[in-house]
PDB file of N, CA and C in Angstrom:
ATOM      1  N   MET A   1      81.837  58.631 -23.360  1.00  0.00           N
ATOM      2  CA  MET A   1      82.238  58.082 -22.076  1.00  0.00           C
ATOM      3  C   MET A   1      81.422  56.830 -21.764  1.00  0.00           C
ATOM      4  N   THR A   2      82.135  55.779 -21.552  1.00  0.00           N
ATOM      5  CA  THR A   2      81.444  54.529 -21.211  1.00  0.00           C
ATOM      6  C   THR A   2      81.843  54.111 -19.803  1.00  0.00           C
ATOM      7  N   ASP A   3      80.874  54.103 -18.933  1.00  0.00           N
ATOM      8  CA  ASP A   3      81.117  53.653 -17.556  1.00  0.00           C
ATOM      9  C   ASP A   3      80.785  52.173 -17.471  1.00  0.00           C
ATOM     10  N   LYS A   4      81.782  51.399 -17.122  1.00  0.00           N
ATOM     11  CA  LYS A   4      81.552  49.953 -16.993  1.00  0.00           C
ATOM     12  C   LYS A   4      81.182  49.629 -15.560  1.00  0.00           C
ATOM     13  N   LYS A   5      80.064  48.964 -15.409  1.00  0.00           N
ATOM     14  CA  LYS A   5      79.648  48.542 -14.073  1.00  0.00           C
ATOM     15  C   LYS A   5      80.330  47.225 -13.751  1.00  0.00           C
ATOM     16  N   PRO A   6      80.703  47.017 -12.477  1.00  0.00           N
ATOM     17  CA  PRO A   6      81.313  45.729 -12.133  1.00  0.00           C
ATOM     18  C   PRO A   6      80.295  44.605 -12.302  1.00  0.00           C
ATOM     19  N   LYS A   7      80.794  43.470 -12.738  1.00  0.00           N
ATOM     20  CA  LYS A   7      79.919  42.313 -12.960  1.00  0.00           C
ATOM     21  C   LYS A   7      79.347  41.854 -11.624  1.00  0.00           C
ATOM     22  N   LEU A   8      78.027  41.692 -11.576  1.00  0.00           N
ATOM     23  CA  LEU A   8      77.393  41.221 -10.347  1.00  0.00           C
ATOM     24  C   LEU A   8      77.523  39.717 -10.263  1.00  0.00           C
ATOM     25  N   LYS A   9      77.909  39.229  -9.097  1.00  0.00           N
ATOM     26  CA  LYS A   9      78.013  37.786  -8.952  1.00  0.00           C
ATOM     27  C   LYS A   9      76.741  37.254  -8.294  1.00  0.00           C
ATOM     28  N   LEU A  10      76.345  36.080  -8.698  1.00  0.00           N
ATOM     29  CA  LEU A  10      75.139  35.467  -8.174  1.00  0.00           C
ATOM     30  C   LEU A  10      75.494  34.630  -6.963  1.00  0.00           C
ATOM     31  N   LEU A  11      74.821  34.902  -5.877  1.00  0.00           N
ATOM     32  CA  LEU A  11      75.073  34.179  -4.642  1.00  0.00           C
ATOM     33  C   LEU A  11      73.961  33.158  -4.458  1.00  0.00           C
ATOM     34  N   VAL A  12      74.308  31.884  -4.546  1.00  0.00           N
ATOM     35  CA  VAL A  12      73.320  30.817  -4.417  1.00  0.00           C
ATOM     36  C   VAL A  12      73.606  30.047  -3.138  1.00  0.00           C
ATOM     37  N   LEU A  13      72.622  30.021  -2.259  1.00  0.00           N
ATOM     38  CA  LEU A  13      72.778  29.316  -0.991  1.00  0.00           C
ATOM     39  C   LEU A  13      72.220  27.910  -1.098  1.00  0.00           C
ATOM     40  N   SER A  14      72.888  26.977  -0.435  1.00  0.00           N
ATOM     41  CA  SER A  14      72.359  25.617  -0.360  1.00  0.00           C
ATOM     42  C   SER A  14      71.218  25.600   0.663  1.00  0.00           C
ATOM     43  N   GLN A  15      70.454  24.533   0.663  1.00  0.00           N
ATOM     44  CA  GLN A  15      69.324  24.452   1.594  1.00  0.00           C
ATOM     45  C   GLN A  15      69.770  24.542   3.060  1.00  0.00           C
ATOM     46  N   PRO A  16      70.845  23.843   3.483  1.00  0.00           N
ATOM     47  CA  PRO A  16      71.275  23.997   4.882  1.00  0.00           C
ATOM     48  C   PRO A  16      71.708  25.428   5.216  1.00  0.00           C
ATOM     49  N   GLN A  17      72.375  26.105   4.258  1.00  0.00           N
ATOM     50  CA  GLN A  17      72.789  27.486   4.491  1.00  0.00           C
ATOM     51  C   GLN A  17      71.572  28.389   4.642  1.00  0.00           C
ATOM     52  N   ARG A  18      70.590  28.175   3.768  1.00  0.00           N
ATOM     53  CA  ARG A  18      69.369  28.992   3.800  1.00  0.00           C
ATOM     54  C   ARG A  18      68.622  28.776   5.119  1.00  0.00           C
ATOM     55  N   ALA A  19      68.520  27.507   5.549  1.00  0.00           N
ATOM     56  CA  ALA A  19      67.834  27.194   6.805  1.00  0.00           C
ATOM     57  C   ALA A  19      68.549  27.844   7.986  1.00  0.00           C
ATOM     58  N   CYS A  20      69.872  27.833   7.954  1.00  0.00           N
ATOM     59  CA  CYS A  20      70.655  28.447   9.027  1.00  0.00           C
ATOM     60  C   CYS A  20      70.442  29.961   9.030  1.00  0.00           C
ATOM     61  N   LEU A  21      70.444  30.566   7.849  1.00  0.00           N
ATOM     62  CA  LEU A  21      70.235  32.008   7.737  1.00  0.00           C
ATOM     63  C   LEU A  21      68.855  32.389   8.265  1.00  0.00           C
ATOM     64  N   GLU A  22      67.840  31.594   7.903  1.00  0.00           N
ATOM     65  CA  GLU A  22      66.487  31.855   8.388  1.00  0.00           C
ATOM     66  C   GLU A  22      66.400  31.649   9.896  1.00  0.00           C
ATOM     67  N   GLY A  23      67.106  30.639  10.406  1.00  0.00           N
ATOM     68  CA  GLY A  23      67.108  30.379  11.842  1.00  0.00           C
ATOM     69  C   GLY A  23      67.711  31.533  12.628  1.00  0.00           C
ATOM     70  N   ILE A  24      68.783  32.107  12.097  1.00  0.00           N
ATOM     71  CA  ILE A  24      69.421  33.237  12.770  1.00  0.00           C
ATOM     72  C   ILE A  24      68.502  34.451  12.730  1.00  0.00           C
ATOM     73  N   SER A  25      67.820  34.659  11.591  1.00  0.00           N
ATOM     74  CA  SER A  25      66.935  35.817  11.488  1.00  0.00           C
ATOM     75  C   SER A  25      65.712  35.667  12.393  1.00  0.00           C
ATOM     76  N   ASN A  26      65.304  34.431  12.643  1.00  0.00           N
ATOM     77  CA  ASN A  26      64.143  34.185  13.500  1.00  0.00           C
ATOM     78  C   ASN A  26      64.529  34.010  14.962  1.00  0.00           C
ATOM     79  N   ARG A  27      65.812  34.231  15.281  1.00  0.00           N
ATOM     80  CA  ARG A  27      66.313  34.132  16.652  1.00  0.00           C
ATOM     81  C   ARG A  27      66.112  32.752  17.268  1.00  0.00           C
ATOM     82  N   ARG A  28      66.217  31.712  16.435  1.00  0.00           N
ATOM     83  CA  ARG A  28      66.189  30.363  16.997  1.00  0.00           C
ATOM     84  C   ARG A  28      67.489  30.123  17.741  1.00  0.00           C
ATOM     85  N   PRO A  29      67.480  29.263  18.764  1.00  0.00           N
ATOM     86  CA  PRO A  29      68.734  29.016  19.485  1.00  0.00           C
ATOM     87  C   PRO A  29      69.801  28.443  18.541  1.00  0.00           C
ATOM     88  N   GLN A  30      71.022  28.915  18.675  1.00  0.00           N
ATOM     89  CA  GLN A  30      72.116  28.477  17.810  1.00  0.00           C
ATOM     90  C   GLN A  30      73.076  27.584  18.582  1.00  0.00           C
ATOM     91  N   LEU A  31      73.597  26.576  17.902  1.00  0.00           N
ATOM     92  CA  LEU A  31      74.589  25.698  18.517  1.00  0.00           C
ATOM     93  C   LEU A  31      75.921  26.434  18.649  1.00  0.00           C
ATOM     94  N   PRO A  32      76.731  26.067  19.665  1.00  0.00           N
ATOM     95  CA  PRO A  32      78.029  26.743  19.809  1.00  0.00           C
ATOM     96  C   PRO A  32      78.933  26.548  18.593  1.00  0.00           C
ATOM     97  N   THR A  33      78.908  25.341  18.007  1.00  0.00           N
ATOM     98  CA  THR A  33      79.703  25.099  16.801  1.00  0.00           C
ATOM     99  C   THR A  33      78.758  24.670  15.680  1.00  0.00           C
ATOM    100  N   ASP A  34      78.925  25.293  14.545  1.00  0.00           N
ATOM    101  CA  ASP A  34      78.051  25.007  13.408  1.00  0.00           C
ATOM    102  C   ASP A  34      78.837  25.281  12.128  1.00  0.00           C
ATOM    103  N   ALA A  35      79.145  24.223  11.379  1.00  0.00           N
ATOM    104  CA  ALA A  35      79.959  24.362  10.162  1.00  0.00           C
ATOM    105  C   ALA A  35      79.243  25.210   9.114  1.00  0.00           C
ATOM    106  N   VAL A  36      77.920  25.053   9.001  1.00  0.00           N
ATOM    107  CA  VAL A  36      77.165  25.822   8.007  1.00  0.00           C
ATOM    108  C   VAL A  36      77.216  27.309   8.345  1.00  0.00           C
ATOM    109  N   ARG A  37      77.066  27.614   9.635  1.00  0.00           N
ATOM    110  CA  ARG A  37      77.112  29.017  10.055  1.00  0.00           C
ATOM    111  C   ARG A  37      78.495  29.606   9.783  1.00  0.00           C
ATOM    112  N   ASP A  38      79.538  28.796   9.952  1.00  0.00           N
ATOM    113  CA  ASP A  38      80.892  29.265   9.653  1.00  0.00           C
ATOM    114  C   ASP A  38      81.034  29.634   8.173  1.00  0.00           C
ATOM    115  N   GLU A  39      80.367  28.874   7.305  1.00  0.00           N
ATOM    116  CA  GLU A  39      80.384  29.198   5.868  1.00  0.00           C
ATOM    117  C   GLU A  39      79.699  30.541   5.630  1.00  0.00           C
ATOM    118  N   LEU A  40      78.578  30.775   6.326  1.00  0.00           N
ATOM    119  CA  LEU A  40      77.850  32.030   6.167  1.00  0.00           C
ATOM    120  C   LEU A  40      78.686  33.212   6.674  1.00  0.00           C
ATOM    121  N   VAL A  41      79.458  32.985   7.732  1.00  0.00           N
ATOM    122  CA  VAL A  41      80.356  34.026   8.250  1.00  0.00           C
ATOM    123  C   VAL A  41      81.409  34.346   7.192  1.00  0.00           C
ATOM    124  N   ALA A  42      81.951  33.302   6.554  1.00  0.00           N
ATOM    125  CA  ALA A  42      82.969  33.502   5.517  1.00  0.00           C
ATOM    126  C   ALA A  42      82.402  34.281   4.327  1.00  0.00           C
ATOM    127  N   LEU A  43      81.114  34.079   4.040  1.00  0.00           N
ATOM    128  CA  LEU A  43      80.465  34.801   2.941  1.00  0.00           C
ATOM    129  C   LEU A  43      80.094  36.228   3.343  1.00  0.00           C
ATOM    130  N   GLY A  44      80.193  36.526   4.640  1.00  0.00           N
ATOM    131  CA  GLY A  44      79.863  37.871   5.116  1.00  0.00           C
ATOM    132  C   GLY A  44      78.373  38.092   5.309  1.00  0.00           C
ATOM    133  N   LEU A  45      77.611  37.016   5.505  1.00  0.00           N
ATOM    134  CA  LEU A  45      76.161  37.144   5.678  1.00  0.00           C
ATOM    135  C   LEU A  45      75.752  37.173   7.143  1.00  0.00           C
ATOM    136  N   VAL A  46      76.629  36.692   8.014  1.00  0.00           N
ATOM    137  CA  VAL A  46      76.312  36.555   9.431  1.00  0.00           C
ATOM    138  C   VAL A  46      77.481  37.091  10.253  1.00  0.00           C
ATOM    139  N   VAL A  47      77.158  37.706  11.385  1.00  0.00           N
ATOM    140  CA  VAL A  47      78.199  38.221  12.268  1.00  0.00           C
ATOM    141  C   VAL A  47      77.835  37.881  13.712  1.00  0.00           C
ATOM    142  N   GLN A  48      78.858  37.627  14.525  1.00  0.00           N
ATOM    143  CA  GLN A  48      78.599  37.303  15.922  1.00  0.00           C
ATOM    144  C   GLN A  48      78.562  38.590  16.740  1.00  0.00           C
ATOM    145  N   GLN A  49      77.517  38.713  17.566  1.00  0.00           N
ATOM    146  CA  GLN A  49      77.387  39.861  18.458  1.00  0.00           C
ATOM    147  C   GLN A  49      77.310  39.327  19.876  1.00  0.00           C
ATOM    148  N   GLY A  50      78.435  39.283  20.537  1.00  0.00           N
ATOM    149  CA  GLY A  50      78.480  38.698  21.873  1.00  0.00           C
ATOM    150  C   GLY A  50      78.224  37.212  21.788  1.00  0.00           C
ATOM    151  N   ALA A  51      77.222  36.739  22.526  1.00  0.00           N
ATOM    152  CA  ALA A  51      76.881  35.317  22.501  1.00  0.00           C
ATOM    153  C   ALA A  51      75.865  35.004  21.419  1.00  0.00           C
ATOM    154  N   LYS A  52      75.308  36.040  20.774  1.00  0.00           N
ATOM    155  CA  LYS A  52      74.275  35.821  19.762  1.00  0.00           C
ATOM    156  C   LYS A  52      74.823  36.064  18.365  1.00  0.00           C
ATOM    157  N   TRP A  53      74.049  35.615  17.385  1.00  0.00           N
ATOM    158  CA  TRP A  53      74.418  35.796  15.988  1.00  0.00           C
ATOM    159  C   TRP A  53      73.393  36.690  15.316  1.00  0.00           C
ATOM    160  N   ALA A  54      73.837  37.516  14.394  1.00  0.00           N
ATOM    161  CA  ALA A  54      72.938  38.431  13.701  1.00  0.00           C
ATOM    162  C   ALA A  54      73.286  38.457  12.217  1.00  0.00           C
ATOM    163  N   LEU A  55      72.293  38.837  11.412  1.00  0.00           N
ATOM    164  CA  LEU A  55      72.514  38.960   9.974  1.00  0.00           C
ATOM    165  C   LEU A  55      73.181  40.299   9.674  1.00  0.00           C
ATOM    166  N   THR A  56      74.066  40.305   8.698  1.00  0.00           N
ATOM    167  CA  THR A  56      74.635  41.554   8.204  1.00  0.00           C
ATOM    168  C   THR A  56      73.624  42.152   7.221  1.00  0.00           C
ATOM    169  N   PRO A  57      73.789  43.413   6.826  1.00  0.00           N
ATOM    170  CA  PRO A  57      72.879  43.982   5.821  1.00  0.00           C
ATOM    171  C   PRO A  57      72.829  43.140   4.540  1.00  0.00           C
ATOM    172  N   THR A  58      73.981  42.588   4.145  1.00  0.00           N
ATOM    173  CA  THR A  58      74.009  41.719   2.958  1.00  0.00           C
ATOM    174  C   THR A  58      73.189  40.462   3.201  1.00  0.00           C
ATOM    175  N   GLY A  59      73.324  39.883   4.401  1.00  0.00           N
ATOM    176  CA  GLY A  59      72.558  38.689   4.747  1.00  0.00           C
ATOM    177  C   GLY A  59      71.072  38.942   4.710  1.00  0.00           C
ATOM    178  N   LYS A  60      70.655  40.132   5.159  1.00  0.00           N
ATOM    179  CA  LYS A  60      69.230  40.481   5.143  1.00  0.00           C
ATOM    180  C   LYS A  60      68.720  40.583   3.712  1.00  0.00           C
ATOM    181  N   LYS A  61      69.554  41.165   2.827  1.00  0.00           N
ATOM    182  CA  LYS A  61      69.167  41.285   1.417  1.00  0.00           C
ATOM    183  C   LYS A  61      69.023  39.910   0.774  1.00  0.00           C
ATOM    184  N   VAL A  62      69.972  39.023   1.066  1.00  0.00           N
ATOM    185  CA  VAL A  62      69.944  37.675   0.494  1.00  0.00           C
ATOM    186  C   VAL A  62      68.697  36.930   0.970  1.00  0.00           C
ATOM    187  N   LEU A  63      68.402  37.064   2.259  1.00  0.00           N
ATOM    188  CA  LEU A  63      67.233  36.392   2.819  1.00  0.00           C
ATOM    189  C   LEU A  63      65.954  36.938   2.196  1.00  0.00           C
ATOM    190  N   ALA A  64      65.874  38.250   2.032  1.00  0.00           N
ATOM    191  CA  ALA A  64      64.686  38.868   1.443  1.00  0.00           C
ATOM    192  C   ALA A  64      64.543  38.477  -0.022  1.00  0.00           C
ATOM    193  N   ALA A  65      65.661  38.406  -0.742  1.00  0.00           N
ATOM    194  CA  ALA A  65      65.607  38.070  -2.166  1.00  0.00           C
ATOM    195  C   ALA A  65      65.192  36.622  -2.371  1.00  0.00           C
ATOM    196  N   GLY A  66      65.564  35.756  -1.459  1.00  0.00           N
ATOM    197  CA  GLY A  66      65.208  34.345  -1.590  1.00  0.00           C
ATOM    198  C   GLY A  66      63.728  34.100  -1.446  1.00  0.00           C
ATOM    199  N   SER A  67      63.012  35.033  -0.796  1.00  0.00           N
ATOM    200  CA  SER A  67      61.579  34.857  -0.622  1.00  0.00           C
ATOM    201  C   SER A  67      60.810  35.288  -1.870  1.00  0.00           C
ATOM    202  N   ASN A  68      61.498  35.956  -2.778  1.00  0.00           N
ATOM    203  CA  ASN A  68      60.879  36.388  -4.026  1.00  0.00           C
ATOM    204  C   ASN A  68      60.835  35.200  -4.987  1.00  0.00           C
ATOM    205  N   ARG A  69      59.643  34.869  -5.485  1.00  0.00           N
ATOM    206  CA  ARG A  69      59.504  33.680  -6.351  1.00  0.00           C
ATOM    207  C   ARG A  69      60.349  33.775  -7.613  1.00  0.00           C
ATOM    208  N   ARG A  70      60.410  34.963  -8.192  1.00  0.00           N
ATOM    209  CA  ARG A  70      61.155  35.110  -9.439  1.00  0.00           C
ATOM    210  C   ARG A  70      62.650  34.943  -9.227  1.00  0.00           C
ATOM    211  N   ASN A  71      63.106  35.157  -8.016  1.00  0.00           N
ATOM    212  CA  ASN A  71      64.538  35.120  -7.768  1.00  0.00           C
ATOM    213  C   ASN A  71      64.889  34.019  -6.771  1.00  0.00           C
ATOM    214  N   SER A  72      64.105  32.960  -6.726  1.00  0.00           N
ATOM    215  CA  SER A  72      64.387  31.906  -5.749  1.00  0.00           C
ATOM    216  C   SER A  72      65.701  31.228  -6.080  1.00  0.00           C
ATOM    217  N   GLY A  73      66.487  30.976  -5.047  1.00  0.00           N
ATOM    218  CA  GLY A  73      67.745  30.268  -5.250  1.00  0.00           C
ATOM    219  C   GLY A  73      68.969  31.148  -5.272  1.00  0.00           C
ATOM    220  N   GLY A  74      68.799  32.450  -5.136  1.00  0.00           N
ATOM    221  CA  GLY A  74      70.001  33.277  -5.109  1.00  0.00           C
ATOM    222  C   GLY A  74      69.702  34.738  -5.132  1.00  0.00           C
ATOM    223  N   PHE A  75      70.759  35.525  -5.023  1.00  0.00           N
ATOM    224  CA  PHE A  75      70.627  36.971  -5.022  1.00  0.00           C
ATOM    225  C   PHE A  75      71.885  37.579  -5.608  1.00  0.00           C
ATOM    226  N   SER A  76      71.711  38.587  -6.413  1.00  0.00           N
ATOM    227  CA  SER A  76      72.883  39.265  -6.987  1.00  0.00           C
ATOM    228  C   SER A  76      73.392  40.273  -5.991  1.00  0.00           C
ATOM    229  N   VAL A  77      74.654  40.145  -5.631  1.00  0.00           N
ATOM    230  CA  VAL A  77      75.246  41.077  -4.661  1.00  0.00           C
ATOM    231  C   VAL A  77      76.091  42.075  -5.424  1.00  0.00           C
TER     232      VAL A  77
END
């Protein structure tokens, strides 16, 4: 029996995306319209909660993985 695991895709964030993700996690004030944040929403890393924005569990993992020196520049989801 051979169980095939699904191929993990590498998620690489650009510097503006990473800065936006860090800003949301640090509760910095967010602009009402933000194209970079919209990209993060499309990736499923950020979700709107009322008037504020919060990281999804996936977003938290990506942010934590980016702080690891060996894995800088992305995270396998």
